[in-house]
Amino acid sequence: MSDGGYPANWQRAVEELVARESSFNSNAKNPKSTAKGLFQFLDGTRKGYGQGITNWDDPYQQSVAGLKYIKARYGTPEKALAFWDKNKWY
């Protein structure tokens, strides 16, 4: 992950978030909301962090947006996990 400008030590925590959110299924959909994909972006979140994303079905592009979201909202994936532990979402 360090090649995208993110620290390599983010990998474990990001993998844990993705496992909790979608079980690594890039086609995952929440039947009770608009949440979709690896990071379970809601429609509104996709609009806010998806600039430049041309194919939301592409796991790589989902990951680019997911890392932007984590950095902007939480600073680190460890902080995102701590929030998830408290709230069961992030």
PDB file of N, CA and C in Angstrom:
ATOM      1  N   MET A   1       0.803  -1.197   0.000  1.00  0.00           N
ATOM      2  CA  MET A   1       0.000   0.000   0.000  1.00  0.00           C
ATOM      3  C   MET A   1       0.843   1.256   0.000  1.00  0.00           C
ATOM      4  N   SER A   2       2.077   1.188   0.334  1.00  0.00           N
ATOM      5  CA  SER A   2       2.891   2.392   0.384  1.00  0.00           C
ATOM      6  C   SER A   2       3.080   3.018  -0.991  1.00  0.00           C
ATOM      7  N   ASP A   3       2.867   2.273  -2.074  1.00  0.00           N
ATOM      8  CA  ASP A   3       3.041   2.849  -3.407  1.00  0.00           C
ATOM      9  C   ASP A   3       1.954   3.851  -3.756  1.00  0.00           C
ATOM     10  N   GLY A   4       0.850   3.858  -3.045  1.00  0.00           N
ATOM     11  CA  GLY A   4      -0.229   4.807  -3.295  1.00  0.00           C
ATOM     12  C   GLY A   4      -0.181   6.008  -2.382  1.00  0.00           C
ATOM     13  N   GLY A   5       0.906   6.155  -1.662  1.00  0.00           N
ATOM     14  CA  GLY A   5       1.015   7.298  -0.771  1.00  0.00           C
ATOM     15  C   GLY A   5       0.502   7.031   0.637  1.00  0.00           C
ATOM     16  N   TYR A   6       0.172   5.798   0.931  1.00  0.00           N
ATOM     17  CA  TYR A   6      -0.300   5.427   2.260  1.00  0.00           C
ATOM     18  C   TYR A   6       0.753   4.550   2.921  1.00  0.00           C
ATOM     19  N   PRO A   7       0.914   4.666   4.228  1.00  0.00           N
ATOM     20  CA  PRO A   7       1.925   3.860   4.917  1.00  0.00           C
ATOM     21  C   PRO A   7       1.652   2.361   4.789  1.00  0.00           C
ATOM     22  N   ALA A   8       2.697   1.590   4.630  1.00  0.00           N
ATOM     23  CA  ALA A   8       2.563   0.138   4.530  1.00  0.00           C
ATOM     24  C   ALA A   8       1.945  -0.453   5.797  1.00  0.00           C
ATOM     25  N   ASN A   9       2.152   0.208   6.937  1.00  0.00           N
ATOM     26  CA  ASN A   9       1.604  -0.333   8.189  1.00  0.00           C
ATOM     27  C   ASN A   9       0.084  -0.170   8.289  1.00  0.00           C
ATOM     28  N   TRP A  10      -0.546   0.439   7.299  1.00  0.00           N
ATOM     29  CA  TRP A  10      -2.008   0.527   7.260  1.00  0.00           C
ATOM     30  C   TRP A  10      -2.640  -0.792   6.814  1.00  0.00           C
ATOM     31  N   GLN A  11      -1.880  -1.650   6.178  1.00  0.00           N
ATOM     32  CA  GLN A  11      -2.449  -2.812   5.510  1.00  0.00           C
ATOM     33  C   GLN A  11      -3.294  -3.692   6.425  1.00  0.00           C
ATOM     34  N   ARG A  12      -2.762  -4.078   7.572  1.00  0.00           N
ATOM     35  CA  ARG A  12      -3.502  -4.995   8.447  1.00  0.00           C
ATOM     36  C   ARG A  12      -4.841  -4.401   8.871  1.00  0.00           C
ATOM     37  N   ALA A  13      -4.842  -3.155   9.289  1.00  0.00           N
ATOM     38  CA  ALA A  13      -6.074  -2.527   9.758  1.00  0.00           C
ATOM     39  C   ALA A  13      -7.073  -2.337   8.611  1.00  0.00           C
ATOM     40  N   VAL A  14      -6.590  -1.965   7.435  1.00  0.00           N
ATOM     41  CA  VAL A  14      -7.482  -1.814   6.286  1.00  0.00           C
ATOM     42  C   VAL A  14      -8.083  -3.170   5.918  1.00  0.00           C
ATOM     43  N   GLU A  15      -7.280  -4.204   5.919  1.00  0.00           N
ATOM     44  CA  GLU A  15      -7.798  -5.545   5.636  1.00  0.00           C
ATOM     45  C   GLU A  15      -8.862  -5.950   6.645  1.00  0.00           C
ATOM     46  N   GLU A  16      -8.652  -5.616   7.904  1.00  0.00           N
ATOM     47  CA  GLU A  16      -9.646  -5.930   8.936  1.00  0.00           C
ATOM     48  C   GLU A  16     -10.952  -5.178   8.682  1.00  0.00           C
ATOM     49  N   LEU A  17     -10.872  -3.904   8.324  1.00  0.00           N
ATOM     50  CA  LEU A  17     -12.079  -3.135   8.017  1.00  0.00           C
ATOM     51  C   LEU A  17     -12.835  -3.739   6.837  1.00  0.00           C
ATOM     52  N   VAL A  18     -12.112  -4.076   5.780  1.00  0.00           N
ATOM     53  CA  VAL A  18     -12.755  -4.642   4.602  1.00  0.00           C
ATOM     54  C   VAL A  18     -13.368  -6.013   4.937  1.00  0.00           C
ATOM     55  N   ALA A  19     -12.688  -6.797   5.731  1.00  0.00           N
ATOM     56  CA  ALA A  19     -13.236  -8.096   6.138  1.00  0.00           C
ATOM     57  C   ALA A  19     -14.549  -7.905   6.896  1.00  0.00           C
ATOM     58  N   ARG A  20     -14.577  -6.942   7.791  1.00  0.00           N
ATOM     59  CA  ARG A  20     -15.798  -6.693   8.574  1.00  0.00           C
ATOM     60  C   ARG A  20     -16.930  -6.128   7.718  1.00  0.00           C
ATOM     61  N   GLU A  21     -16.580  -5.251   6.798  1.00  0.00           N
ATOM     62  CA  GLU A  21     -17.599  -4.560   6.012  1.00  0.00           C
ATOM     63  C   GLU A  21     -18.164  -5.414   4.877  1.00  0.00           C
ATOM     64  N   SER A  22     -17.316  -6.150   4.176  1.00  0.00           N
ATOM     65  CA  SER A  22     -17.796  -6.835   2.971  1.00  0.00           C
ATOM     66  C   SER A  22     -17.279  -8.256   2.804  1.00  0.00           C
ATOM     67  N   SER A  23     -16.484  -8.738   3.743  1.00  0.00           N
ATOM     68  CA  SER A  23     -15.846 -10.053   3.597  1.00  0.00           C
ATOM     69  C   SER A  23     -15.067 -10.151   2.291  1.00  0.00           C
ATOM     70  N   PHE A  24     -14.466  -9.032   1.886  1.00  0.00           N
ATOM     71  CA  PHE A  24     -13.651  -8.947   0.667  1.00  0.00           C
ATOM     72  C   PHE A  24     -14.456  -9.178  -0.610  1.00  0.00           C
ATOM     73  N   ASN A  25     -15.760  -8.975  -0.539  1.00  0.00           N
ATOM     74  CA  ASN A  25     -16.624  -9.121  -1.710  1.00  0.00           C
ATOM     75  C   ASN A  25     -16.870  -7.734  -2.302  1.00  0.00           C
ATOM     76  N   SER A  26     -16.258  -7.442  -3.435  1.00  0.00           N
ATOM     77  CA  SER A  26     -16.404  -6.118  -4.043  1.00  0.00           C
ATOM     78  C   SER A  26     -17.809  -5.878  -4.588  1.00  0.00           C
ATOM     79  N   ASN A  27     -18.622  -6.922  -4.645  1.00  0.00           N
ATOM     80  CA  ASN A  27     -20.011  -6.792  -5.100  1.00  0.00           C
ATOM     81  C   ASN A  27     -21.006  -6.809  -3.940  1.00  0.00           C
ATOM     82  N   ALA A  28     -20.510  -6.778  -2.707  1.00  0.00           N
ATOM     83  CA  ALA A  28     -21.393  -6.838  -1.547  1.00  0.00           C
ATOM     84  C   ALA A  28     -22.367  -5.663  -1.538  1.00  0.00           C
ATOM     85  N   LYS A  29     -23.615  -5.952  -1.171  1.00  0.00           N
ATOM     86  CA  LYS A  29     -24.650  -4.920  -1.067  1.00  0.00           C
ATOM     87  C   LYS A  29     -25.405  -5.120   0.227  1.00  0.00           C
ATOM     88  N   ASN A  30     -25.646  -4.042   0.922  1.00  0.00           N
ATOM     89  CA  ASN A  30     -26.436  -4.095   2.145  1.00  0.00           C
ATOM     90  C   ASN A  30     -27.909  -3.970   1.755  1.00  0.00           C
ATOM     91  N   PRO A  31     -28.730  -4.949   2.104  1.00  0.00           N
ATOM     92  CA  PRO A  31     -30.136  -4.893   1.709  1.00  0.00           C
ATOM     93  C   PRO A  31     -30.943  -3.819   2.442  1.00  0.00           C
ATOM     94  N   LYS A  32     -30.374  -3.255   3.510  1.00  0.00           N
ATOM     95  CA  LYS A  32     -31.108  -2.266   4.307  1.00  0.00           C
ATOM     96  C   LYS A  32     -30.654  -0.831   4.055  1.00  0.00           C
ATOM     97  N   SER A  33     -29.675  -0.640   3.164  1.00  0.00           N
ATOM     98  CA  SER A  33     -29.180   0.709   2.880  1.00  0.00           C
ATOM     99  C   SER A  33     -28.607   0.745   1.468  1.00  0.00           C
ATOM    100  N   THR A  34     -27.987   1.853   1.118  1.00  0.00           N
ATOM    101  CA  THR A  34     -27.353   1.978  -0.196  1.00  0.00           C
ATOM    102  C   THR A  34     -25.893   1.556  -0.160  1.00  0.00           C
ATOM    103  N   ALA A  35     -25.440   0.952   0.948  1.00  0.00           N
ATOM    104  CA  ALA A  35     -24.034   0.555   1.098  1.00  0.00           C
ATOM    105  C   ALA A  35     -23.673  -0.553   0.111  1.00  0.00           C
ATOM    106  N   LYS A  36     -22.522  -0.339  -0.578  1.00  0.00           N
ATOM    107  CA  LYS A  36     -22.064  -1.300  -1.583  1.00  0.00           C
ATOM    108  C   LYS A  36     -20.553  -1.384  -1.583  1.00  0.00           C
ATOM    109  N   GLY A  37     -20.040  -2.519  -2.064  1.00  0.00           N
ATOM    110  CA  GLY A  37     -18.626  -2.685  -2.329  1.00  0.00           C
ATOM    111  C   GLY A  37     -17.787  -3.087  -1.139  1.00  0.00           C
ATOM    112  N   LEU A  38     -16.484  -3.100  -1.360  1.00  0.00           N
ATOM    113  CA  LEU A  38     -15.529  -3.533  -0.344  1.00  0.00           C
ATOM    114  C   LEU A  38     -15.635  -2.739   0.945  1.00  0.00           C
ATOM    115  N   PHE A  39     -15.782  -1.418   0.809  1.00  0.00           N
ATOM    116  CA  PHE A  39     -15.793  -0.536   1.970  1.00  0.00           C
ATOM    117  C   PHE A  39     -17.209  -0.149   2.387  1.00  0.00           C
ATOM    118  N   GLN A  40     -18.201  -0.701   1.698  1.00  0.00           N
ATOM    119  CA  GLN A  40     -19.606  -0.454   1.964  1.00  0.00           C
ATOM    120  C   GLN A  40     -19.931   1.043   1.968  1.00  0.00           C
ATOM    121  N   PHE A  41     -19.554   1.699   0.880  1.00  0.00           N
ATOM    122  CA  PHE A  41     -19.872   3.113   0.712  1.00  0.00           C
ATOM    123  C   PHE A  41     -21.364   3.307   0.505  1.00  0.00           C
ATOM    124  N   LEU A  42     -21.917   4.270   1.205  1.00  0.00           N
ATOM    125  CA  LEU A  42     -23.274   4.730   0.943  1.00  0.00           C
ATOM    126  C   LEU A  42     -23.238   5.615  -0.296  1.00  0.00           C
ATOM    127  N   ASP A  43     -24.390   5.809  -0.940  1.00  0.00           N
ATOM    128  CA  ASP A  43     -24.430   6.654  -2.136  1.00  0.00           C
ATOM    129  C   ASP A  43     -23.805   8.023  -1.877  1.00  0.00           C
ATOM    130  N   GLY A  44     -24.149   8.660  -0.768  1.00  0.00           N
ATOM    131  CA  GLY A  44     -23.619   9.979  -0.445  1.00  0.00           C
ATOM    132  C   GLY A  44     -22.117   9.978  -0.230  1.00  0.00           C
ATOM    133  N   THR A  45     -21.603   8.932   0.369  1.00  0.00           N
ATOM    134  CA  THR A  45     -20.166   8.831   0.610  1.00  0.00           C
ATOM    135  C   THR A  45     -19.434   8.622  -0.709  1.00  0.00           C
ATOM    136  N   ARG A  46     -20.020   7.823  -1.583  1.00  0.00           N
ATOM    137  CA  ARG A  46     -19.414   7.610  -2.908  1.00  0.00           C
ATOM    138  C   ARG A  46     -19.266   8.933  -3.637  1.00  0.00           C
ATOM    139  N   LYS A  47     -20.271   9.787  -3.543  1.00  0.00           N
ATOM    140  CA  LYS A  47     -20.205  11.091  -4.208  1.00  0.00           C
ATOM    141  C   LYS A  47     -19.082  11.940  -3.626  1.00  0.00           C
ATOM    142  N   GLY A  48     -18.885  11.869  -2.320  1.00  0.00           N
ATOM    143  CA  GLY A  48     -17.883  12.686  -1.667  1.00  0.00           C
ATOM    144  C   GLY A  48     -16.449  12.227  -1.854  1.00  0.00           C
ATOM    145  N   TYR A  49     -16.241  10.945  -2.043  1.00  0.00           N
ATOM    146  CA  TYR A  49     -14.877  10.404  -2.127  1.00  0.00           C
ATOM    147  C   TYR A  49     -14.586   9.717  -3.449  1.00  0.00           C
ATOM    148  N   GLY A  50     -15.506   9.775  -4.375  1.00  0.00           N
ATOM    149  CA  GLY A  50     -15.339   9.051  -5.613  1.00  0.00           C
ATOM    150  C   GLY A  50     -14.935   9.882  -6.812  1.00  0.00           C
ATOM    151  N   GLN A  51     -14.430  11.095  -6.582  1.00  0.00           N
ATOM    152  CA  GLN A  51     -14.002  11.899  -7.714  1.00  0.00           C
ATOM    153  C   GLN A  51     -12.962  11.125  -8.528  1.00  0.00           C
ATOM    154  N   GLY A  52     -13.196  11.047  -9.800  1.00  0.00           N
ATOM    155  CA  GLY A  52     -12.262  10.342 -10.674  1.00  0.00           C
ATOM    156  C   GLY A  52     -12.552   8.856 -10.819  1.00  0.00           C
ATOM    157  N   ILE A  53     -13.442   8.330 -10.017  1.00  0.00           N
ATOM    158  CA  ILE A  53     -13.789   6.910 -10.116  1.00  0.00           C
ATOM    159  C   ILE A  53     -14.720   6.747 -11.316  1.00  0.00           C
ATOM    160  N   THR A  54     -14.327   5.930 -12.244  1.00  0.00           N
ATOM    161  CA  THR A  54     -15.133   5.724 -13.441  1.00  0.00           C
ATOM    162  C   THR A  54     -15.870   4.391 -13.434  1.00  0.00           C
ATOM    163  N   ASN A  55     -15.453   3.488 -12.538  1.00  0.00           N
ATOM    164  CA  ASN A  55     -16.062   2.162 -12.507  1.00  0.00           C
ATOM    165  C   ASN A  55     -16.134   1.680 -11.063  1.00  0.00           C
ATOM    166  N   TRP A  56     -17.289   1.860 -10.452  1.00  0.00           N
ATOM    167  CA  TRP A  56     -17.444   1.465  -9.045  1.00  0.00           C
ATOM    168  C   TRP A  56     -17.467  -0.049  -8.865  1.00  0.00           C
ATOM    169  N   ASP A  57     -17.506  -0.795  -9.937  1.00  0.00           N
ATOM    170  CA  ASP A  57     -17.433  -2.256  -9.827  1.00  0.00           C
ATOM    171  C   ASP A  57     -15.990  -2.746  -9.722  1.00  0.00           C
ATOM    172  N   ASP A  58     -15.035  -1.879  -9.979  1.00  0.00           N
ATOM    173  CA  ASP A  58     -13.616  -2.225  -9.950  1.00  0.00           C
ATOM    174  C   ASP A  58     -13.090  -2.183  -8.511  1.00  0.00           C
ATOM    175  N   PRO A  59     -12.648  -3.315  -7.961  1.00  0.00           N
ATOM    176  CA  PRO A  59     -12.160  -3.342  -6.575  1.00  0.00           C
ATOM    177  C   PRO A  59     -10.998  -2.375  -6.330  1.00  0.00           C
ATOM    178  N   TYR A  60     -10.134  -2.185  -7.336  1.00  0.00           N
ATOM    179  CA  TYR A  60      -9.017  -1.250  -7.160  1.00  0.00           C
ATOM    180  C   TYR A  60      -9.543   0.172  -6.963  1.00  0.00           C
ATOM    181  N   GLN A  61     -10.494   0.575  -7.807  1.00  0.00           N
ATOM    182  CA  GLN A  61     -11.034   1.920  -7.681  1.00  0.00           C
ATOM    183  C   GLN A  61     -11.826   2.084  -6.384  1.00  0.00           C
ATOM    184  N   GLN A  62     -12.503   1.038  -5.940  1.00  0.00           N
ATOM    185  CA  GLN A  62     -13.179   1.077  -4.642  1.00  0.00           C
ATOM    186  C   GLN A  62     -12.155   1.297  -3.532  1.00  0.00           C
ATOM    187  N   SER A  63     -11.014   0.630  -3.660  1.00  0.00           N
ATOM    188  CA  SER A  63      -9.964   0.745  -2.637  1.00  0.00           C
ATOM    189  C   SER A  63      -9.355   2.138  -2.603  1.00  0.00           C
ATOM    190  N   VAL A  64      -9.150   2.739  -3.761  1.00  0.00           N
ATOM    191  CA  VAL A  64      -8.625   4.102  -3.812  1.00  0.00           C
ATOM    192  C   VAL A  64      -9.557   5.034  -3.041  1.00  0.00           C
ATOM    193  N   ALA A  65     -10.851   4.929  -3.308  1.00  0.00           N
ATOM    194  CA  ALA A  65     -11.827   5.773  -2.620  1.00  0.00           C
ATOM    195  C   ALA A  65     -11.880   5.428  -1.129  1.00  0.00           C
ATOM    196  N   GLY A  66     -11.798   4.146  -0.794  1.00  0.00           N
ATOM    197  CA  GLY A  66     -11.845   3.728   0.612  1.00  0.00           C
ATOM    198  C   GLY A  66     -10.691   4.276   1.418  1.00  0.00           C
ATOM    199  N   LEU A  67      -9.500   4.266   0.854  1.00  0.00           N
ATOM    200  CA  LEU A  67      -8.332   4.811   1.557  1.00  0.00           C
ATOM    201  C   LEU A  67      -8.450   6.315   1.732  1.00  0.00           C
ATOM    202  N   LYS A  68      -8.960   7.013   0.716  1.00  0.00           N
ATOM    203  CA  LYS A  68      -9.187   8.464   0.841  1.00  0.00           C
ATOM    204  C   LYS A  68     -10.152   8.750   1.985  1.00  0.00           C
ATOM    205  N   TYR A  69     -11.223   7.982   2.042  1.00  0.00           N
ATOM    206  CA  TYR A  69     -12.239   8.153   3.072  1.00  0.00           C
ATOM    207  C   TYR A  69     -11.656   7.933   4.461  1.00  0.00           C
ATOM    208  N   ILE A  70     -10.935   6.859   4.639  1.00  0.00           N
ATOM    209  CA  ILE A  70     -10.342   6.550   5.949  1.00  0.00           C
ATOM    210  C   ILE A  70      -9.408   7.668   6.390  1.00  0.00           C
ATOM    211  N   LYS A  71      -8.550   8.116   5.485  1.00  0.00           N
ATOM    212  CA  LYS A  71      -7.595   9.168   5.827  1.00  0.00           C
ATOM    213  C   LYS A  71      -8.312  10.473   6.174  1.00  0.00           C
ATOM    214  N   ALA A  72      -9.298  10.853   5.373  1.00  0.00           N
ATOM    215  CA  ALA A  72     -10.004  12.112   5.595  1.00  0.00           C
ATOM    216  C   ALA A  72     -10.860  12.091   6.857  1.00  0.00           C
ATOM    217  N   ARG A  73     -11.552  11.004   7.088  1.00  0.00           N
ATOM    218  CA  ARG A  73     -12.498  10.964   8.213  1.00  0.00           C
ATOM    219  C   ARG A  73     -11.844  10.580   9.534  1.00  0.00           C
ATOM    220  N   TYR A  74     -10.905   9.632   9.506  1.00  0.00           N
ATOM    221  CA  TYR A  74     -10.346   9.092  10.746  1.00  0.00           C
ATOM    222  C   TYR A  74      -8.862   9.354  10.939  1.00  0.00           C
ATOM    223  N   GLY A  75      -8.151   9.652   9.880  1.00  0.00           N
ATOM    224  CA  GLY A  75      -6.716   9.854   9.977  1.00  0.00           C
ATOM    225  C   GLY A  75      -5.927   8.589   9.753  1.00  0.00           C
ATOM    226  N   THR A  76      -6.344   7.513  10.395  1.00  0.00           N
ATOM    227  CA  THR A  76      -5.685   6.215  10.256  1.00  0.00           C
ATOM    228  C   THR A  76      -6.737   5.109  10.281  1.00  0.00           C
ATOM    229  N   PRO A  77      -6.415   3.954   9.709  1.00  0.00           N
ATOM    230  CA  PRO A  77      -7.368   2.851   9.768  1.00  0.00           C
ATOM    231  C   PRO A  77      -7.531   2.305  11.184  1.00  0.00           C
ATOM    232  N   GLU A  78      -6.525   2.473  12.026  1.00  0.00           N
ATOM    233  CA  GLU A  78      -6.665   2.024  13.423  1.00  0.00           C
ATOM    234  C   GLU A  78      -7.754   2.824  14.129  1.00  0.00           C
ATOM    235  N   LYS A  79      -7.811   4.120  13.851  1.00  0.00           N
ATOM    236  CA  LYS A  79      -8.865   4.956  14.441  1.00  0.00           C
ATOM    237  C   LYS A  79     -10.227   4.586  13.858  1.00  0.00           C
ATOM    238  N   ALA A  80     -10.252   4.237  12.577  1.00  0.00           N
ATOM    239  CA  ALA A  80     -11.496   3.784  11.963  1.00  0.00           C
ATOM    240  C   ALA A  80     -11.961   2.477  12.609  1.00  0.00           C
ATOM    241  N   LEU A  81     -11.037   1.566  12.884  1.00  0.00           N
ATOM    242  CA  LEU A  81     -11.387   0.311  13.566  1.00  0.00           C
ATOM    243  C   LEU A  81     -11.903   0.565  14.977  1.00  0.00           C
ATOM    244  N   ALA A  82     -11.283   1.487  15.685  1.00  0.00           N
ATOM    245  CA  ALA A  82     -11.744   1.814  17.039  1.00  0.00           C
ATOM    246  C   ALA A  82     -13.173   2.346  16.995  1.00  0.00           C
ATOM    247  N   PHE A  83     -13.463   3.197  16.016  1.00  0.00           N
ATOM    248  CA  PHE A  83     -14.829   3.702  15.851  1.00  0.00           C
ATOM    249  C   PHE A  83     -15.766   2.549  15.518  1.00  0.00           C
ATOM    250  N   TRP A  84     -15.333   1.657  14.628  1.00  0.00           N
ATOM    251  CA  TRP A  84     -16.147   0.503  14.247  1.00  0.00           C
ATOM    252  C   TRP A  84     -16.441  -0.369  15.466  1.00  0.00           C
ATOM    253  N   ASP A  85     -15.431  -0.584  16.307  1.00  0.00           N
ATOM    254  CA  ASP A  85     -15.625  -1.402  17.506  1.00  0.00           C
ATOM    255  C   ASP A  85     -16.715  -0.826  18.409  1.00  0.00           C
ATOM    256  N   LYS A  86     -16.774   0.486  18.492  1.00  0.00           N
ATOM    257  CA  LYS A  86     -17.775   1.158  19.331  1.00  0.00           C
ATOM    258  C   LYS A  86     -19.158   1.154  18.706  1.00  0.00           C
ATOM    259  N   ASN A  87     -19.221   1.350  17.387  1.00  0.00           N
ATOM    260  CA  ASN A  87     -20.485   1.614  16.716  1.00  0.00           C
ATOM    261  C   ASN A  87     -20.972   0.527  15.749  1.00  0.00           C
ATOM    262  N   LYS A  88     -20.088  -0.430  15.444  1.00  0.00           N
ATOM    263  CA  LYS A  88     -20.366  -1.509  14.490  1.00  0.00           C
ATOM    264  C   LYS A  88     -20.551  -0.983  13.071  1.00  0.00           C
ATOM    265  N   TRP A  89     -20.005   0.177  12.797  1.00  0.00           N
ATOM    266  CA  TRP A  89     -19.904   0.759  11.461  1.00  0.00           C
ATOM    267  C   TRP A  89     -18.815   1.812  11.543  1.00  0.00           C
ATOM    268  N   TYR A  90     -18.394   2.309  10.407  1.00  0.00           N
ATOM    269  CA  TYR A  90     -17.376   3.353  10.415  1.00  0.00           C
ATOM    270  C   TYR A  90     -17.677   4.393   9.373  1.00  0.00           C
TER     271      TYR A  90
END
